[in-house]
N, C-alpha and C. Protein backbone atom coordinates (compact mmCIF):
# COMPACT_ATOMS: atom_id res chain seq x y z
N UNK A 1 14.18 19.78 -11.22
CA UNK A 1 12.74 19.64 -10.79
C UNK A 1 12.23 18.51 -12.02
N UNK A 2 11.07 17.72 -11.17
CA UNK A 2 10.69 16.75 -12.34
C UNK A 2 9.17 16.94 -11.74
N UNK A 3 8.22 17.12 -12.73
CA UNK A 3 6.91 17.15 -12.30
C UNK A 3 6.27 16.17 -12.99
N UNK A 4 5.45 15.75 -11.94
CA UNK A 4 4.73 14.32 -12.16
C UNK A 4 3.17 14.75 -12.77
N UNK A 5 3.15 14.70 -14.20
CA UNK A 5 1.47 15.07 -14.60
C UNK A 5 0.45 14.34 -14.39
N UNK A 6 0.55 12.83 -13.98
CA UNK A 6 -0.34 12.09 -13.74
C UNK A 6 0.36 10.82 -13.22
N UNK A 7 -0.78 9.96 -12.23
CA UNK A 7 -0.13 8.92 -12.20
C UNK A 7 -0.14 7.45 -13.21
N UNK A 8 0.40 6.51 -13.14
CA UNK A 8 0.53 5.29 -13.58
C UNK A 8 -0.28 4.18 -12.83
N UNK A 9 -1.54 3.65 -13.44
CA UNK A 9 -2.18 2.82 -12.74
C UNK A 9 -1.49 1.56 -12.78
N UNK A 10 -1.42 0.86 -11.57
CA UNK A 10 -0.44 -0.29 -11.27
C UNK A 10 -1.37 -1.42 -10.68
N UNK A 11 -1.07 -2.70 -11.24
CA UNK A 11 -1.94 -3.93 -11.33
C UNK A 11 -2.04 -4.31 -9.62
N UNK A 12 -2.93 -4.44 -8.99
CA UNK A 12 -2.89 -4.61 -7.65
C UNK A 12 -2.78 -6.37 -7.29
N UNK A 13 -2.39 -6.67 -6.12
CA UNK A 13 -2.95 -8.13 -5.72
C UNK A 13 -4.14 -7.77 -4.93
N UNK A 14 -4.57 -9.06 -4.83
CA UNK A 14 -5.87 -9.22 -4.09
C UNK A 14 -7.16 -9.21 -4.76
N UNK A 15 -8.16 -9.20 -4.02
CA UNK A 15 -9.79 -9.82 -4.83
C UNK A 15 -10.60 -9.14 -3.93
N UNK A 16 -11.72 -8.15 -4.30
CA UNK A 16 -11.54 -7.92 -5.36
C UNK A 16 -10.72 -6.66 -6.31
N UNK A 17 -10.33 -6.25 -7.18
CA UNK A 17 -9.42 -5.76 -7.80
C UNK A 17 -9.37 -4.15 -7.03
N UNK A 18 -8.57 -3.56 -6.78
CA UNK A 18 -8.32 -2.40 -5.96
C UNK A 18 -7.41 -1.57 -7.12
N UNK A 19 -7.39 -0.19 -6.94
CA UNK A 19 -6.71 0.88 -8.05
C UNK A 19 -5.82 1.48 -7.29
N UNK A 20 -4.40 1.16 -7.86
CA UNK A 20 -3.38 1.75 -7.59
C UNK A 20 -2.64 2.79 -8.32
N UNK A 21 -2.75 3.90 -7.86
CA UNK A 21 -2.24 4.97 -8.79
C UNK A 21 -0.61 5.59 -8.18
N UNK A 22 0.36 5.09 -8.97
CA UNK A 22 1.51 5.72 -8.71
C UNK A 22 1.90 6.80 -9.07
N UNK A 23 2.08 7.66 -8.20
CA UNK A 23 2.67 9.16 -8.65
C UNK A 23 4.30 8.77 -8.70
N UNK A 24 4.81 8.58 -7.74
CA UNK A 24 6.30 8.59 -7.70
C UNK A 24 6.70 6.79 -7.46
N UNK A 25 7.72 6.50 -8.07
CA UNK A 25 8.06 5.18 -7.89
C UNK A 25 9.06 4.47 -8.99
N UNK A 26 9.15 3.34 -9.08
CA UNK A 26 9.65 2.70 -9.88
C UNK A 26 8.88 2.64 -11.46
N UNK A 27 7.79 2.54 -11.55
CA UNK A 27 6.97 2.35 -12.50
C UNK A 27 6.69 3.95 -13.28
N UNK A 28 6.17 4.73 -12.46
CA UNK A 28 6.05 6.33 -13.03
C UNK A 28 6.95 7.16 -13.21
N UNK A 29 8.03 7.26 -12.09
CA UNK A 29 8.96 8.16 -12.38
C UNK A 29 10.58 7.47 -12.48
N UNK A 30 10.34 6.27 -12.30
CA UNK A 30 11.69 5.83 -12.38
C UNK A 30 12.57 5.95 -10.87
N UNK A 31 11.85 6.45 -9.93
CA UNK A 31 12.37 6.47 -8.54
C UNK A 31 12.74 5.27 -7.72
N UNK A 32 14.06 4.86 -7.34
CA UNK A 32 14.36 3.73 -6.59
C UNK A 32 14.10 3.99 -5.00
N UNK A 33 14.39 5.21 -4.72
CA UNK A 33 14.47 5.46 -3.23
C UNK A 33 13.43 5.49 -2.64
N UNK A 34 11.99 5.75 -3.36
CA UNK A 34 10.75 6.14 -2.37
C UNK A 34 9.35 5.85 -3.55
N UNK A 35 8.37 5.25 -3.29
CA UNK A 35 7.33 5.28 -3.98
C UNK A 35 6.12 5.78 -3.20
N UNK A 36 5.38 6.79 -3.89
CA UNK A 36 4.03 7.25 -3.33
C UNK A 36 2.97 6.92 -4.01
N UNK A 37 1.99 6.25 -3.71
CA UNK A 37 0.95 6.14 -4.19
C UNK A 37 -0.60 6.44 -3.80
N UNK A 38 -1.53 6.37 -4.49
CA UNK A 38 -3.15 6.40 -3.81
C UNK A 38 -3.79 5.10 -4.21
N UNK A 39 -4.28 4.42 -3.02
CA UNK A 39 -4.73 3.27 -3.12
C UNK A 39 -6.30 3.64 -3.16
N UNK A 40 -7.10 3.13 -4.16
CA UNK A 40 -8.74 3.27 -4.29
C UNK A 40 -9.02 1.80 -3.83
N UNK A 41 -9.39 1.32 -2.85
CA UNK A 41 -9.84 0.10 -2.44
C UNK A 41 -11.43 -0.29 -2.04
N UNK A 42 -12.01 -1.38 -2.52
CA UNK A 42 -13.18 -1.60 -2.67
C UNK A 42 -13.56 -2.24 -1.39
N UNK A 43 -14.93 -2.33 -1.03
CA UNK A 43 -15.37 -3.25 0.23
C UNK A 43 -14.75 -4.57 -0.17
N UNK A 44 -14.33 -5.29 0.85
CA UNK A 44 -14.29 -6.75 0.86
C UNK A 44 -12.70 -7.14 0.05
N UNK A 45 -12.09 -6.00 -0.42
CA UNK A 45 -10.56 -6.25 -0.90
C UNK A 45 -9.80 -7.00 0.27
N UNK A 46 -8.79 -7.93 0.18
CA UNK A 46 -7.87 -8.16 0.46
C UNK A 46 -7.15 -8.88 0.03
N UNK A 47 -5.55 -8.75 0.45
CA UNK A 47 -4.48 -9.48 -0.29
C UNK A 47 -3.60 -10.41 0.39
N UNK A 48 -2.83 -11.21 0.10
CA UNK A 48 -1.80 -12.24 0.83
C UNK A 48 -1.16 -11.44 1.81
N UNK A 49 -0.91 -12.13 2.81
CA UNK A 49 0.12 -11.53 3.72
C UNK A 49 1.52 -11.17 3.19
N UNK A 50 2.39 -10.55 3.58
CA UNK A 50 3.62 -10.09 2.83
C UNK A 50 4.70 -10.06 4.10
N UNK A 51 6.02 -10.06 4.00
CA UNK A 51 7.28 -9.47 4.40
C UNK A 51 7.79 -8.70 3.90
N UNK A 52 7.47 -7.48 3.36
CA UNK A 52 8.58 -6.40 2.47
C UNK A 52 9.86 -6.18 2.85
N UNK A 53 10.77 -5.83 1.95
CA UNK A 53 11.85 -5.18 2.32
C UNK A 53 12.05 -3.86 2.37
N UNK A 54 10.86 -3.12 2.61
CA UNK A 54 10.78 -1.68 2.77
C UNK A 54 9.81 -1.51 3.98
N UNK A 55 9.94 -0.24 4.31
CA UNK A 55 9.39 0.50 5.16
C UNK A 55 8.11 1.08 4.68
N UNK A 56 6.92 0.57 5.19
CA UNK A 56 5.56 1.32 4.38
C UNK A 56 4.87 2.07 5.59
N UNK A 57 4.44 3.48 4.88
CA UNK A 57 3.92 4.44 5.51
C UNK A 57 2.56 4.51 4.88
N UNK A 58 1.14 4.49 5.70
CA UNK A 58 0.03 4.56 4.93
C UNK A 58 -0.67 5.41 5.81
N UNK A 59 -1.23 6.39 5.05
CA UNK A 59 -2.66 7.47 6.05
C UNK A 59 -3.71 7.29 5.11
N UNK A 60 -4.82 6.89 5.82
CA UNK A 60 -5.89 6.66 5.68
C UNK A 60 -6.93 7.98 5.22
N UNK A 61 -7.47 8.09 4.01
CA UNK A 61 -8.01 9.31 3.44
C UNK A 61 -9.59 9.42 3.67
N UNK A 62 -9.83 7.73 3.57
CA UNK A 62 -11.56 7.72 3.41
C UNK A 62 -11.61 6.35 3.71
N UNK A 63 -12.70 6.02 4.62
CA UNK A 63 -13.27 4.51 4.99
C UNK A 63 -12.34 3.93 5.89
N UNK A 64 -11.83 2.60 5.94
CA UNK A 64 -11.15 1.85 7.15
C UNK A 64 -10.19 0.98 6.22
N UNK A 65 -8.99 1.06 7.15
CA UNK A 65 -7.74 0.35 6.46
C UNK A 65 -7.62 -0.90 7.75
N UNK A 66 -7.93 -2.12 7.47
CA UNK A 66 -7.54 -3.11 8.45
C UNK A 66 -6.09 -3.76 7.94
N UNK A 67 -5.18 -3.43 9.28
CA UNK A 67 -4.02 -3.95 9.40
C UNK A 67 -3.67 -5.24 10.26
N UNK A 68 -3.21 -6.19 9.60
CA UNK A 68 -2.90 -7.38 10.57
C UNK A 68 -1.71 -7.83 10.37
N UNK A 69 -1.12 -7.93 11.84
CA UNK A 69 0.15 -8.62 12.03
C UNK A 69 0.30 -9.91 12.67
N UNK A 70 1.20 -10.46 12.98
CA UNK A 70 1.32 -11.52 13.80
C UNK A 70 0.81 -11.65 15.02
N UNK A 71 0.84 -10.38 15.59
CA UNK A 71 0.12 -10.17 17.24
C UNK A 71 -0.98 -9.75 17.34
N UNK A 72 -1.40 -8.75 16.16
CA UNK A 72 -2.75 -8.12 16.65
C UNK A 72 -3.33 -7.83 15.18
N UNK A 73 -4.49 -7.34 14.91
CA UNK A 73 -5.06 -6.30 13.98
C UNK A 73 -5.77 -5.35 14.44
N UNK A 74 -5.37 -4.40 13.64
CA UNK A 74 -6.09 -3.26 14.06
C UNK A 74 -6.90 -2.30 12.99
N UNK A 75 -7.82 -1.76 12.95
CA UNK A 75 -8.52 -1.01 11.82
C UNK A 75 -8.40 0.62 12.16
N UNK A 76 -7.98 1.06 11.14
CA UNK A 76 -7.50 2.41 10.91
C UNK A 76 -8.56 3.28 10.13
N UNK A 77 -9.24 4.45 10.64
CA UNK A 77 -10.34 5.27 10.21
C UNK A 77 -9.47 6.54 9.44
N UNK A 78 -10.24 7.17 8.82
CA UNK A 78 -9.75 8.50 7.88
C UNK A 78 -8.82 9.18 9.02
N UNK A 79 -7.61 9.72 8.58
CA UNK A 79 -7.07 10.90 9.68
C UNK A 79 -5.84 10.07 10.39
N UNK A 80 -6.19 8.42 10.05
CA UNK A 80 -5.09 7.65 10.99
C UNK A 80 -3.98 7.25 10.14
N UNK A 81 -2.80 6.88 10.68
CA UNK A 81 -1.82 6.46 10.02
C UNK A 81 -1.14 5.32 10.66
N UNK A 82 -0.24 4.57 9.95
CA UNK A 82 0.45 3.40 10.46
C UNK A 82 1.73 3.21 9.78
N UNK A 83 2.77 3.02 10.39
CA UNK A 83 4.04 2.66 10.01
C UNK A 83 4.48 1.20 10.17
N UNK A 84 4.73 0.50 8.90
CA UNK A 84 5.18 -0.90 9.12
C UNK A 84 6.61 -1.10 8.82
N UNK A 85 7.23 -1.32 9.68
CA UNK A 85 8.80 -1.46 9.43
C UNK A 85 9.10 -2.76 8.44
N UNK A 86 9.96 -2.40 7.65
CA UNK A 86 10.72 -3.45 6.77
C UNK A 86 10.98 -4.82 7.52
N UNK A 87 10.52 -6.10 6.96
CA UNK A 87 10.83 -7.35 7.84
C UNK A 87 9.53 -7.82 8.41
N UNK A 88 8.86 -6.92 8.64
CA UNK A 88 7.39 -7.21 9.38
C UNK A 88 6.41 -8.08 8.51
N UNK A 89 5.83 -8.97 9.05
CA UNK A 89 4.65 -9.70 8.15
C UNK A 89 3.53 -8.89 8.48
N UNK A 90 2.81 -8.71 7.59
CA UNK A 90 1.51 -7.76 7.43
C UNK A 90 0.49 -8.48 6.40
N UNK A 91 -0.60 -8.00 6.64
CA UNK A 91 -1.56 -8.24 5.70
C UNK A 91 -2.63 -7.42 5.55
N UNK A 92 -2.82 -6.69 4.37
CA UNK A 92 -4.01 -5.61 4.50
C UNK A 92 -5.11 -6.17 3.81
N UNK A 93 -6.34 -5.14 4.26
CA UNK A 93 -7.42 -5.46 3.73
C UNK A 93 -8.40 -4.21 4.11
N UNK A 94 -9.77 -4.39 3.43
CA UNK A 94 -10.61 -3.07 3.37
C UNK A 94 -11.86 -3.82 3.38
N UNK A 95 -12.44 -4.21 4.62
CA UNK A 95 -13.55 -4.82 4.65
C UNK A 95 -15.06 -3.65 4.44
N UNK A 96 -14.74 -2.46 4.30
CA UNK A 96 -15.70 -1.40 4.30
C UNK A 96 -15.18 -0.56 3.20
N UNK A 97 -13.99 -0.92 2.52
CA UNK A 97 -13.51 0.02 1.49
C UNK A 97 -12.63 1.02 1.93
N UNK A 98 -11.75 1.87 1.38
CA UNK A 98 -11.08 2.79 1.77
C UNK A 98 -10.17 3.37 0.69
N UNK A 99 -9.85 4.84 0.93
CA UNK A 99 -8.95 5.24 -0.24
C UNK A 99 -7.54 5.83 0.78
N UNK A 100 -6.41 5.37 0.50
CA UNK A 100 -5.41 5.69 1.31
C UNK A 100 -4.24 5.98 0.54
N UNK A 101 -3.13 6.81 1.21
CA UNK A 101 -1.98 7.21 0.36
C UNK A 101 -0.87 5.92 0.98
N UNK A 102 0.08 5.37 0.29
CA UNK A 102 0.95 4.41 0.58
C UNK A 102 2.53 5.30 0.39
N UNK A 103 3.27 5.14 1.31
CA UNK A 103 4.53 5.67 0.97
C UNK A 103 5.79 4.47 1.20
N UNK A 104 6.35 4.19 0.34
CA UNK A 104 7.56 2.99 0.70
C UNK A 104 8.85 3.45 0.36
N UNK A 105 9.76 3.12 1.18
CA UNK A 105 10.99 3.35 1.30
C UNK A 105 12.20 2.30 1.87
N UNK A 106 12.81 1.89 0.76
CA UNK A 106 12.77 1.80 -1.00
C UNK A 106 11.25 1.68 -1.50
N UNK A 107 11.68 2.38 -2.64
CA UNK A 107 10.25 1.91 -3.49
C UNK A 107 10.02 0.54 -3.33
N UNK A 108 8.30 0.34 -3.55
CA UNK A 108 7.81 -0.61 -3.61
C UNK A 108 8.54 -1.40 -5.09
N UNK A 109 8.33 -2.78 -4.79
CA UNK A 109 8.60 -3.43 -6.18
C UNK A 109 7.97 -5.08 -5.84
N UNK A 110 7.36 -5.46 -7.13
CA UNK A 110 6.93 -7.00 -7.03
C UNK A 110 7.98 -8.06 -6.37
N UNK A 111 9.15 -7.85 -6.47
CA UNK A 111 10.21 -8.80 -5.89
C UNK A 111 10.56 -8.48 -4.52
N UNK A 112 10.47 -7.23 -4.10
CA UNK A 112 10.52 -6.86 -2.77
C UNK A 112 9.56 -6.97 -1.54
N UNK A 113 8.44 -7.38 -2.25
CA UNK A 113 7.30 -7.24 -1.39
C UNK A 113 7.11 -8.63 -0.44
N UNK A 114 7.64 -9.68 -1.31
CA UNK A 114 7.79 -11.00 -0.54
C UNK A 114 6.11 -11.62 0.02
N UNK A 115 5.45 -11.50 -1.11
CA UNK A 115 3.95 -11.88 -0.72
C UNK A 115 4.14 -13.55 -0.38
N UNK A 116 3.17 -14.26 0.75
CA UNK A 116 2.68 -15.23 1.16
C UNK A 116 2.29 -15.98 -0.19
N UNK A 117 3.00 -17.46 -0.65
CA UNK A 117 2.36 -18.10 -1.60
C UNK A 117 1.15 -19.22 -0.95
C-alpha cells in the first residue's frame, strides 16, 4: 500500500494559468501506468491542441469543460465525463471556468502529450 498524503502542483500549459494537482502519476508518486489529477481551471483558460499518446478520461466536478476535436466541439457540465482515445487530436478550454478530474493511461508526460506548435 502507498498512501498519497498530498498532490504535487504541476505547471500547466495554456493561459491564463490553471492549477494542476497531481495525486498519482510520474511526478507525485512515480507511477508510469496511470496519472490522476485535479484541474482547477479559471474562466478563459485554453491550451494548445494536442495529440496524446495516452487515453484521457475527464470528469467535470464544477463549471464547464469545452472539448474540441477535428469534427466537433462539446461543452461538458458538472456530472458529465468524456473519454478521449490516444492518438486523437483535442483542444481543451474552460470559457467559464471548471474543476475536473483527469485520468491518463499510461500516465501523462510532457513528452507524450504532443502539443501543437
